[in-house]
N, C-alpha and C. Protein backbone atom coordinates (compact mmCIF):
# COMPACT_ATOMS: atom_id res chain seq x y z
N MET A 1 7.77 21.21 19.89
CA MET A 1 8.18 20.36 18.67
C MET A 1 8.99 21.18 17.50
N ARG A 2 9.99 20.63 17.35
CA ARG A 2 10.45 21.38 16.19
C ARG A 2 9.35 21.33 14.70
N GLU A 3 9.97 22.29 13.69
CA GLU A 3 9.07 22.41 12.67
C GLU A 3 8.92 21.09 12.18
N ARG A 4 9.93 20.58 11.73
CA ARG A 4 9.83 19.40 10.72
C ARG A 4 10.69 18.15 11.61
N ILE A 5 9.78 17.12 12.06
CA ILE A 5 10.60 15.90 12.27
C ILE A 5 10.52 14.78 11.53
N GLU A 6 11.71 14.26 11.26
CA GLU A 6 11.90 12.73 9.91
C GLU A 6 12.20 11.46 10.68
N ILE A 7 11.07 10.80 10.42
CA ILE A 7 11.03 9.39 11.08
C ILE A 7 11.21 8.26 10.31
N ARG A 8 12.18 7.34 10.07
CA ARG A 8 11.69 6.13 9.75
C ARG A 8 12.26 4.91 10.53
N LEU A 9 11.14 3.60 10.08
CA LEU A 9 10.78 2.51 10.61
C LEU A 9 11.49 1.81 9.81
N SER A 10 12.57 1.17 9.89
CA SER A 10 12.98 0.03 9.17
C SER A 10 13.25 -1.23 9.69
N GLY A 11 13.24 -2.10 8.70
CA GLY A 11 13.37 -4.04 8.89
C GLY A 11 13.18 -4.61 7.85
N SER A 12 12.61 -5.73 7.95
CA SER A 12 12.19 -6.37 6.62
C SER A 12 11.42 -6.89 6.76
N GLY A 13 10.40 -7.13 5.13
CA GLY A 13 8.89 -7.84 4.69
C GLY A 13 9.10 -8.50 6.47
N GLY A 14 7.84 -8.33 6.27
CA GLY A 14 6.57 -9.56 7.33
C GLY A 14 6.96 -8.98 8.62
N GLN A 15 8.13 -7.36 9.08
CA GLN A 15 7.80 -7.36 10.44
C GLN A 15 6.78 -6.40 11.07
N GLY A 16 5.97 -5.97 9.62
CA GLY A 16 5.16 -5.29 9.95
C GLY A 16 5.66 -3.47 10.10
N LEU A 17 6.23 -3.14 9.57
CA LEU A 17 6.87 -1.75 9.75
C LEU A 17 5.85 -0.83 8.78
N LEU A 18 5.11 -1.28 8.09
CA LEU A 18 4.41 -0.44 6.56
C LEU A 18 2.76 -0.45 7.72
N THR A 19 3.00 -1.59 8.16
CA THR A 19 1.44 -1.08 9.39
C THR A 19 1.94 0.18 10.37
N ALA A 20 3.26 -0.16 10.75
CA ALA A 20 3.16 0.50 12.27
C ALA A 20 3.39 2.02 11.73
N GLY A 21 4.28 2.36 10.61
CA GLY A 21 4.01 3.47 9.96
C GLY A 21 2.89 4.25 9.61
N VAL A 22 1.97 3.24 9.26
CA VAL A 22 0.52 4.18 8.85
C VAL A 22 -0.31 4.53 10.68
N ILE A 23 -0.23 3.46 11.50
CA ILE A 23 -0.50 3.75 12.80
C ILE A 23 0.02 5.16 13.16
N LEU A 24 1.77 5.06 13.49
CA LEU A 24 2.02 6.53 13.96
C LEU A 24 2.03 7.41 13.14
N ALA A 25 1.74 7.48 12.18
CA ALA A 25 0.97 8.78 11.41
C ALA A 25 -0.29 8.95 11.73
N TYR A 26 -1.36 8.20 11.83
CA TYR A 26 -2.50 8.44 12.53
C TYR A 26 -2.33 9.11 13.78
N ALA A 27 -1.76 8.61 14.27
CA ALA A 27 -1.47 8.82 15.81
C ALA A 27 -1.41 10.09 15.96
N VAL A 28 -0.05 10.83 15.40
CA VAL A 28 0.42 11.94 15.31
C VAL A 28 -0.46 12.62 14.62
N GLY A 29 -0.94 12.61 13.39
CA GLY A 29 -1.87 13.55 13.20
C GLY A 29 -3.16 13.67 13.16
N ILE A 30 -4.13 12.57 14.08
CA ILE A 30 -5.18 13.09 14.01
C ILE A 30 -5.16 12.62 15.98
N GLY A 31 -4.56 12.07 16.33
CA GLY A 31 -4.56 12.49 17.61
C GLY A 31 -3.66 13.46 18.65
N GLU A 32 -3.04 13.93 17.77
CA GLU A 32 -1.78 14.58 18.17
C GLU A 32 -2.09 16.08 17.65
N GLY A 33 -2.73 16.30 16.51
CA GLY A 33 -3.04 17.28 15.88
C GLY A 33 -2.36 17.96 14.55
N LYS A 34 -1.09 17.17 14.24
CA LYS A 34 0.27 17.59 13.45
C LYS A 34 -0.12 17.29 12.02
N ASN A 35 0.32 18.28 11.32
CA ASN A 35 0.79 18.00 9.78
C ASN A 35 1.58 16.50 9.92
N VAL A 36 1.07 15.59 9.09
CA VAL A 36 1.76 14.13 8.67
C VAL A 36 1.82 13.94 7.00
N VAL A 37 2.88 13.33 6.53
CA VAL A 37 2.61 12.66 5.59
C VAL A 37 3.73 11.03 6.10
N GLN A 38 3.17 10.33 5.44
CA GLN A 38 3.72 8.96 5.62
C GLN A 38 3.78 8.49 3.96
N THR A 39 5.19 7.28 3.91
CA THR A 39 5.43 6.95 2.99
C THR A 39 6.22 5.44 3.10
N GLN A 40 6.43 4.46 2.02
CA GLN A 40 6.63 3.37 2.36
C GLN A 40 7.29 2.46 1.22
N SER A 41 8.05 1.83 1.41
CA SER A 41 9.04 1.33 0.64
C SER A 41 9.15 -0.48 0.90
N TYR A 42 9.28 -1.01 -0.27
CA TYR A 42 9.31 -2.57 0.40
C TYR A 42 10.07 -2.95 -1.48
N GLY A 43 10.77 -4.19 -0.79
CA GLY A 43 11.03 -4.88 -1.92
C GLY A 43 9.79 -5.92 -2.28
N PRO A 44 10.67 -6.87 -3.63
CA PRO A 44 9.71 -7.11 -4.19
C PRO A 44 9.01 -8.77 -3.58
N GLU A 45 10.27 -8.96 -2.48
CA GLU A 45 9.64 -10.46 -1.69
C GLU A 45 8.26 -10.11 -0.90
N ALA A 46 7.77 -11.27 -0.77
CA ALA A 46 6.42 -11.10 0.10
C ALA A 46 7.17 -11.36 1.73
N ARG A 47 7.78 -11.80 2.13
CA ARG A 47 8.95 -11.54 2.92
C ARG A 47 10.29 -11.80 3.17
N GLY A 48 10.93 -10.87 3.98
CA GLY A 48 12.31 -10.71 4.06
C GLY A 48 12.63 -10.13 3.60
N GLY A 49 12.27 -9.35 2.50
CA GLY A 49 12.98 -8.41 1.80
C GLY A 49 13.16 -6.72 2.58
N ALA A 50 13.71 -5.75 2.28
CA ALA A 50 13.67 -4.55 2.90
C ALA A 50 12.76 -4.13 2.89
N SER A 51 12.41 -3.38 4.04
CA SER A 51 10.87 -2.81 4.58
C SER A 51 11.23 -1.52 4.85
N ARG A 52 10.66 -0.37 4.65
CA ARG A 52 10.76 0.77 5.19
C ARG A 52 9.37 1.79 4.90
N SER A 53 9.02 2.44 6.58
CA SER A 53 7.93 3.80 6.57
C SER A 53 8.59 4.49 7.31
N ASP A 54 8.29 5.98 6.08
CA ASP A 54 9.03 6.92 6.39
C ASP A 54 7.82 8.18 6.71
N ILE A 55 7.64 8.79 7.91
CA ILE A 55 7.00 9.62 8.42
C ILE A 55 7.62 10.76 8.55
N ILE A 56 6.70 11.98 8.51
CA ILE A 56 7.30 13.24 8.44
C ILE A 56 6.32 14.18 9.35
N VAL A 57 6.60 14.59 10.12
CA VAL A 57 5.79 15.49 11.18
C VAL A 57 5.99 16.67 11.40
N SER A 58 4.77 17.79 11.06
CA SER A 58 5.43 19.22 11.26
C SER A 58 4.03 20.13 11.71
N ASP A 59 4.67 21.17 12.48
CA ASP A 59 3.21 21.82 13.06
C ASP A 59 3.03 22.72 11.59
N GLU A 60 3.70 22.88 10.53
CA GLU A 60 3.24 23.62 9.61
C GLU A 60 3.44 23.02 8.24
N GLU A 61 2.58 23.32 7.44
CA GLU A 61 2.19 22.22 6.08
C GLU A 61 3.59 21.70 5.30
N ILE A 62 3.76 20.44 4.91
CA ILE A 62 4.78 19.84 4.38
C ILE A 62 4.46 19.81 2.90
N TYR A 63 5.92 20.53 2.33
CA TYR A 63 5.75 20.74 0.45
C TYR A 63 6.92 19.45 0.27
N ASN A 64 7.71 19.21 1.43
CA ASN A 64 8.89 18.30 0.88
C ASN A 64 8.65 17.32 1.36
N LEU A 65 7.95 15.90 0.24
CA LEU A 65 7.48 14.65 0.96
C LEU A 65 8.37 13.82 1.06
N LYS A 66 9.73 13.89 0.88
CA LYS A 66 10.77 12.86 1.27
C LYS A 66 11.36 13.30 2.54
N PRO A 67 12.02 12.48 3.40
CA PRO A 67 13.17 13.05 4.42
C PRO A 67 14.58 13.31 3.93
N THR A 68 15.09 13.73 4.20
CA THR A 68 16.55 14.30 3.91
C THR A 68 17.44 13.98 4.74
N ARG A 69 17.26 14.23 6.03
CA ARG A 69 18.22 13.67 7.11
C ARG A 69 17.45 13.48 8.22
N LEU A 70 17.02 12.30 9.06
CA LEU A 70 16.42 11.55 9.93
C LEU A 70 17.03 11.83 10.88
N ASP A 71 15.73 12.13 11.94
CA ASP A 71 15.78 12.84 13.27
C ASP A 71 15.63 11.60 14.36
N LEU A 72 15.08 10.39 13.53
CA LEU A 72 14.93 9.29 14.27
C LEU A 72 14.94 8.31 13.61
N LEU A 73 15.53 7.02 13.95
CA LEU A 73 15.71 5.82 12.73
C LEU A 73 15.28 4.46 13.92
N LEU A 74 14.24 3.78 13.71
CA LEU A 74 14.28 2.53 14.30
C LEU A 74 14.60 1.52 13.48
N CYS A 75 15.30 0.52 13.57
CA CYS A 75 15.98 -0.43 12.88
C CYS A 75 16.07 -2.17 13.54
N LEU A 76 15.14 -2.62 12.73
CA LEU A 76 14.65 -3.80 13.52
C LEU A 76 15.66 -5.16 13.15
N ASN A 77 16.24 -4.79 11.93
CA ASN A 77 17.28 -5.92 11.68
C ASN A 77 19.17 -4.92 11.28
N GLN A 78 20.07 -5.86 11.35
CA GLN A 78 21.12 -5.06 10.87
C GLN A 78 21.18 -4.68 9.46
N GLU A 79 20.72 -5.24 8.29
CA GLU A 79 20.83 -4.68 7.31
C GLU A 79 19.99 -3.02 7.27
N SER A 80 19.10 -3.57 8.10
CA SER A 80 18.37 -1.79 7.55
C SER A 80 19.37 -0.65 8.59
N CYS A 81 19.73 -0.80 9.84
CA CYS A 81 20.95 -0.59 10.28
C CYS A 81 22.16 0.35 9.55
N ASP A 82 22.54 -0.62 8.86
CA ASP A 82 23.92 -0.58 8.14
C ASP A 82 23.83 0.59 6.92
N ALA A 83 21.92 0.41 6.27
CA ALA A 83 21.67 0.77 5.23
C ALA A 83 21.35 2.33 5.74
N PHE A 84 20.87 2.58 6.71
CA PHE A 84 19.79 3.93 6.94
C PHE A 84 20.92 4.99 8.22
N VAL A 85 21.45 4.19 8.76
CA VAL A 85 22.62 5.18 10.02
C VAL A 85 23.16 6.21 9.49
N PRO A 86 23.97 6.29 8.35
CA PRO A 86 24.24 7.18 7.03
C PRO A 86 23.05 8.34 6.96
N LYS A 87 21.71 8.24 7.01
CA LYS A 87 21.03 9.18 7.01
C LYS A 87 20.39 10.01 7.90
N LEU A 88 20.70 9.42 8.99
CA LEU A 88 20.72 10.38 10.62
C LEU A 88 21.45 11.02 10.74
N LYS A 89 20.51 12.58 11.13
CA LYS A 89 21.22 13.60 11.64
C LYS A 89 22.47 13.05 12.75
N GLU A 90 23.04 13.80 13.15
CA GLU A 90 24.31 13.59 14.07
C GLU A 90 23.49 13.58 15.24
N THR A 91 22.59 14.49 15.87
CA THR A 91 22.06 14.49 16.82
C THR A 91 20.59 13.77 16.93
N GLY A 92 20.58 12.90 16.00
CA GLY A 92 19.05 11.92 15.99
C GLY A 92 19.35 10.70 16.42
N LEU A 93 18.28 10.49 16.76
CA LEU A 93 17.88 9.05 17.82
C LEU A 93 18.15 8.08 17.27
N LEU A 94 18.68 7.14 17.16
CA LEU A 94 18.40 5.85 16.85
C LEU A 94 17.88 4.68 17.94
N VAL A 95 16.77 3.92 17.15
CA VAL A 95 16.29 2.79 18.47
C VAL A 95 16.42 1.44 17.27
N ILE A 96 16.96 0.64 18.11
CA ILE A 96 17.04 -1.16 17.48
C ILE A 96 16.90 -1.92 18.38
N ASP A 97 16.55 -2.96 17.81
CA ASP A 97 15.96 -4.18 18.28
C ASP A 97 17.31 -4.50 18.63
N THR A 98 17.65 -5.11 20.17
CA THR A 98 19.02 -5.39 20.53
C THR A 98 19.39 -6.80 19.96
N ASP A 99 18.35 -7.40 19.98
CA ASP A 99 18.64 -9.12 19.37
C ASP A 99 19.29 -9.31 18.02
N ASN A 100 18.65 -8.14 17.31
CA ASN A 100 18.97 -8.30 15.84
C ASN A 100 19.73 -7.29 15.17
N VAL A 101 20.22 -6.32 15.92
CA VAL A 101 21.48 -5.36 15.73
C VAL A 101 22.75 -5.52 16.79
N LYS A 102 23.61 -5.60 15.96
CA LYS A 102 24.94 -5.48 16.86
C LYS A 102 24.82 -4.10 17.25
N GLU A 103 25.42 -3.19 18.65
CA GLU A 103 25.31 -2.26 18.91
C GLU A 103 26.65 -1.24 18.31
N PRO A 104 25.81 -0.01 17.86
CA PRO A 104 26.35 0.41 16.79
C PRO A 104 27.73 1.91 16.95
N SER A 105 27.92 2.02 16.86
CA SER A 105 28.91 3.26 17.03
C SER A 105 28.33 4.75 16.92
N PHE A 106 27.10 4.83 16.50
CA PHE A 106 26.32 6.07 16.39
C PHE A 106 25.98 6.01 17.87
N PRO A 107 26.35 7.63 18.21
CA PRO A 107 26.47 7.81 19.70
C PRO A 107 25.21 7.71 20.59
N ASN A 108 24.16 8.42 19.68
CA ASN A 108 23.03 8.22 20.78
C ASN A 108 21.77 7.32 20.32
N PHE A 109 22.14 6.07 20.95
CA PHE A 109 21.33 5.21 20.38
C PHE A 109 20.68 4.59 21.72
N VAL A 110 19.06 3.91 21.44
CA VAL A 110 18.56 3.27 23.18
C VAL A 110 18.30 1.98 22.09
N GLY A 111 17.58 0.77 23.01
CA GLY A 111 17.13 0.03 22.41
C GLY A 111 16.30 -1.60 23.10
N ALA A 112 15.93 -1.98 22.68
CA ALA A 112 15.27 -3.08 23.61
C ALA A 112 15.06 -4.17 22.82
N PRO A 113 15.41 -5.87 23.37
CA PRO A 113 14.96 -6.67 22.10
C PRO A 113 13.35 -6.78 22.42
N PHE A 114 13.01 -6.09 20.95
CA PHE A 114 11.31 -5.94 21.30
C PHE A 114 10.82 -7.42 20.72
N ALA A 115 11.12 -8.23 19.71
CA ALA A 115 10.51 -9.29 19.27
C ALA A 115 10.46 -10.03 20.41
N ARG A 116 11.58 -10.44 21.19
CA ARG A 116 11.79 -11.38 22.02
C ARG A 116 10.91 -10.91 23.11
N ILE A 117 10.48 -9.68 23.76
CA ILE A 117 9.99 -9.24 24.70
C ILE A 117 8.29 -9.74 24.46
N ALA A 118 8.22 -9.37 23.31
CA ALA A 118 6.71 -9.69 22.87
C ALA A 118 6.50 -10.92 22.98
N ARG A 119 7.48 -11.79 22.77
CA ARG A 119 7.12 -12.83 22.75
C ARG A 119 6.96 -13.86 23.89
N GLU A 120 7.87 -13.11 24.60
CA GLU A 120 7.81 -13.80 26.16
C GLU A 120 7.00 -13.41 26.87
N LYS A 121 6.44 -11.54 26.71
CA LYS A 121 5.57 -11.24 27.55
C LYS A 121 4.41 -11.39 27.24
N LEU A 122 4.17 -11.43 26.05
CA LEU A 122 2.62 -11.33 25.16
C LEU A 122 2.32 -12.51 24.45
N GLY A 123 3.18 -13.49 24.53
CA GLY A 123 2.92 -14.64 23.80
C GLY A 123 2.91 -14.55 22.38
N SER A 124 3.73 -13.28 21.45
CA SER A 124 3.62 -13.36 20.29
C SER A 124 4.38 -12.14 19.89
N ALA A 125 5.56 -12.79 18.87
CA ALA A 125 6.36 -11.62 18.35
C ALA A 125 5.61 -11.00 17.61
N ILE A 126 4.74 -11.00 16.80
CA ILE A 126 3.77 -10.61 16.12
C ILE A 126 3.59 -8.95 16.23
N VAL A 127 3.39 -8.88 17.17
CA VAL A 127 3.44 -7.30 17.90
C VAL A 127 4.69 -6.30 18.25
N ALA A 128 5.74 -7.15 17.93
CA ALA A 128 7.00 -6.37 17.94
C ALA A 128 7.10 -5.06 17.62
N ASN A 129 6.16 -4.99 16.70
CA ASN A 129 6.53 -3.13 16.01
C ASN A 129 5.42 -2.59 16.60
N ILE A 130 4.79 -3.04 17.33
CA ILE A 130 3.79 -2.55 18.18
C ILE A 130 4.33 -1.84 19.63
N VAL A 131 5.07 -2.70 19.82
CA VAL A 131 6.18 -2.60 21.24
C VAL A 131 6.75 -1.46 20.87
N ALA A 132 7.49 -1.38 19.59
CA ALA A 132 8.44 -0.81 19.37
C ALA A 132 7.87 0.82 19.22
N LEU A 133 6.74 0.91 18.96
CA LEU A 133 5.95 2.24 18.85
C LEU A 133 6.07 2.99 19.78
N GLY A 134 5.52 1.88 20.70
CA GLY A 134 5.32 2.33 22.13
C GLY A 134 6.45 3.11 22.39
N TYR A 135 7.39 2.49 22.68
CA TYR A 135 8.43 2.54 23.35
C TYR A 135 9.20 3.99 22.31
N ILE A 136 8.98 4.14 21.43
CA ILE A 136 9.64 5.24 20.46
C ILE A 136 8.64 6.24 20.99
N CYS A 137 7.04 5.97 21.13
CA CYS A 137 6.30 7.24 21.38
C CYS A 137 6.85 7.72 23.09
N ALA A 138 7.26 7.04 24.10
CA ALA A 138 6.99 7.22 25.20
C ALA A 138 8.61 7.80 25.49
N TYR A 139 9.69 7.31 24.69
CA TYR A 139 10.65 7.74 24.71
C TYR A 139 10.67 9.29 24.33
N THR A 140 10.36 9.00 23.12
CA THR A 140 10.46 10.75 22.68
C THR A 140 9.24 11.54 22.53
N GLY A 141 8.24 11.35 23.25
CA GLY A 141 6.63 12.15 23.47
C GLY A 141 6.27 12.44 22.42
N LEU A 142 6.69 11.72 21.18
CA LEU A 142 5.76 11.85 20.10
C LEU A 142 4.60 12.16 20.09
N ALA A 143 3.98 10.93 20.88
CA ALA A 143 2.38 10.71 20.98
C ALA A 143 1.97 10.38 21.93
N ARG A 144 1.07 10.44 22.75
CA ARG A 144 0.32 9.93 24.00
C ARG A 144 -0.19 8.73 23.69
N GLU A 145 -0.13 7.88 25.16
CA GLU A 145 -0.56 6.16 24.45
C GLU A 145 -2.05 6.36 24.08
N SER A 146 -2.75 6.99 24.50
CA SER A 146 -4.07 7.14 24.20
C SER A 146 -4.09 7.37 23.03
N SER A 147 -3.24 7.81 22.13
CA SER A 147 -3.27 8.23 20.87
C SER A 147 -3.27 7.54 19.86
N LEU A 148 -1.84 6.40 20.48
CA LEU A 148 -1.44 5.31 19.69
C LEU A 148 -2.43 4.12 20.21
N LYS A 149 -3.01 4.16 20.64
CA LYS A 149 -4.28 3.24 21.05
C LYS A 149 -5.21 3.53 20.29
N LYS A 150 -6.33 4.36 19.79
CA LYS A 150 -6.93 5.18 19.35
C LYS A 150 -6.60 4.63 17.86
N ALA A 151 -5.30 5.22 17.24
CA ALA A 151 -4.84 4.56 16.13
C ALA A 151 -4.85 3.30 15.70
N ILE A 152 -4.56 2.90 16.73
CA ILE A 152 -4.43 0.89 16.63
C ILE A 152 -6.04 0.61 16.09
N GLU A 153 -6.92 0.94 17.14
CA GLU A 153 -8.25 0.67 16.82
C GLU A 153 -9.17 0.96 15.69
N GLU A 154 -8.33 2.06 15.26
CA GLU A 154 -9.16 2.73 13.69
C GLU A 154 -8.39 2.05 12.55
N LYS A 155 -7.09 2.06 12.71
CA LYS A 155 -6.77 1.16 11.18
C LYS A 155 -6.65 -0.23 11.52
N LEU A 156 -6.68 -0.74 12.63
CA LEU A 156 -6.63 -2.61 12.48
C LEU A 156 -7.95 -3.02 13.15
N GLY A 157 -8.87 -2.08 13.90
CA GLY A 157 -9.80 -2.65 13.85
C GLY A 157 -9.77 -3.57 15.24
N SER A 158 -11.05 -4.34 15.49
CA SER A 158 -11.17 -5.13 16.42
C SER A 158 -10.44 -6.58 16.86
N ARG A 159 -9.67 -6.53 15.63
CA ARG A 159 -9.30 -7.93 15.23
C ARG A 159 -7.49 -7.80 16.04
N HIS A 160 -7.63 -8.46 17.40
CA HIS A 160 -6.31 -8.72 17.98
C HIS A 160 -6.21 -7.37 18.88
N LEU A 161 -7.14 -6.34 18.74
CA LEU A 161 -6.94 -5.42 19.51
C LEU A 161 -6.29 -5.25 21.09
N GLU A 162 -6.90 -6.43 22.09
CA GLU A 162 -6.12 -6.62 23.51
C GLU A 162 -4.81 -6.91 23.34
N LEU A 163 -4.68 -7.64 22.31
CA LEU A 163 -3.08 -8.07 22.17
C LEU A 163 -2.42 -6.55 21.83
N ASN A 164 -2.82 -5.84 20.90
CA ASN A 164 -2.23 -4.74 20.81
C ASN A 164 -1.98 -3.66 21.82
N GLU A 165 -3.25 -3.39 22.12
CA GLU A 165 -3.54 -2.45 23.37
C GLU A 165 -1.91 -2.60 24.24
N LYS A 166 -2.01 -4.52 24.71
CA LYS A 166 -0.77 -4.57 25.53
C LYS A 166 0.68 -4.54 25.47
N ALA A 167 0.52 -4.30 23.65
CA ALA A 167 2.00 -4.21 22.89
C ALA A 167 1.91 -2.81 23.36
N VAL A 168 1.15 -1.62 23.14
CA VAL A 168 1.15 -0.43 23.04
C VAL A 168 1.86 -0.18 24.95
N LYS A 169 0.82 -0.77 25.88
CA LYS A 169 1.63 -0.22 27.03
C LYS A 169 2.73 -0.97 27.61
N LEU A 170 3.21 -2.38 27.08
CA LEU A 170 4.41 -2.83 27.32
C LEU A 170 5.59 -1.71 26.56
N GLY A 171 5.31 -1.45 25.56
CA GLY A 171 6.56 -0.88 24.40
C GLY A 171 6.55 1.20 25.49
N TYR A 172 5.41 1.30 26.08
CA TYR A 172 5.30 2.88 26.85
C TYR A 172 6.20 2.48 28.16
N GLU A 173 6.01 1.08 28.48
CA GLU A 173 6.88 0.99 30.25
C GLU A 173 8.46 1.09 30.09
N LEU A 174 8.57 0.27 28.96
CA LEU A 174 10.08 0.12 28.21
C LEU A 174 10.35 1.30 27.69
N GLY A 175 10.00 1.89 27.10
CA GLY A 175 10.21 3.57 26.75
C GLY A 175 10.41 4.48 27.83
N LYS A 176 9.64 4.23 28.96
CA LYS A 176 9.85 5.36 30.24
C LYS A 176 10.85 4.63 30.97
N SER A 177 10.96 3.53 30.93
CA SER A 177 12.23 2.79 32.22
C SER A 177 13.77 3.31 31.02
N ALA A 178 13.79 3.17 30.01
CA ALA A 178 14.86 3.91 29.26
C ALA A 178 15.22 5.20 29.35
N LEU A 179 14.16 6.20 29.44
CA LEU A 179 14.51 7.10 29.74
C LEU A 179 14.83 7.41 31.24
N LYS A 180 14.70 6.51 31.90
CA LYS A 180 15.42 6.81 33.48
C LYS A 180 16.64 6.23 33.52
N GLY A 181 17.36 5.83 32.03
CA GLY A 181 18.72 5.16 32.18
C GLY A 181 18.61 3.85 32.20
N ASN A 182 17.65 2.86 32.00
CA ASN A 182 17.39 1.71 32.12
C ASN A 182 17.46 0.80 31.07
N ARG A 183 18.53 -0.31 30.80
CA ARG A 183 18.18 -0.95 29.66
C ARG A 183 17.47 -2.53 30.14
N ALA A 184 16.50 -2.36 28.71
CA ALA A 184 16.21 -3.84 28.96
C ALA A 184 16.68 -4.90 28.79
């Protein structure tokens, strides 16, 4: 792993990105033994406003708590893609929900229709955030599937545990398939 990886999960309020950020930080920090800082920002609206979660991962101690140039950006809506792609490094990875974000001009992007797949395969679009996390972790090697599942159990408890574990598994399958050049 490089010395520092800067990640932003972005979309709108109600898409579970703040929860996803906490889960990813826990999976990478506790499960993978890395130093992690997680921060979040959201608009005043209960749902629908801008929402983002930033995660910084490092083998070293982290002193600068704000991301400067993103290595990985997840965009679940067009507005976040428009706002944050300029903050992505040229060598960074853009992950999009292909139903909600038009194909970007950014050269290094992957994606899947996370909400639609969650709804069709799992019966609930509410776990699209977890499907996206599984996808990202499988595609990048950021955290093992077991670390992500453990983080979900620790942070969310037993409520909807089976559904969330299925969402992780589905995300990993999609991410591994994307690594082989397949699109969802």
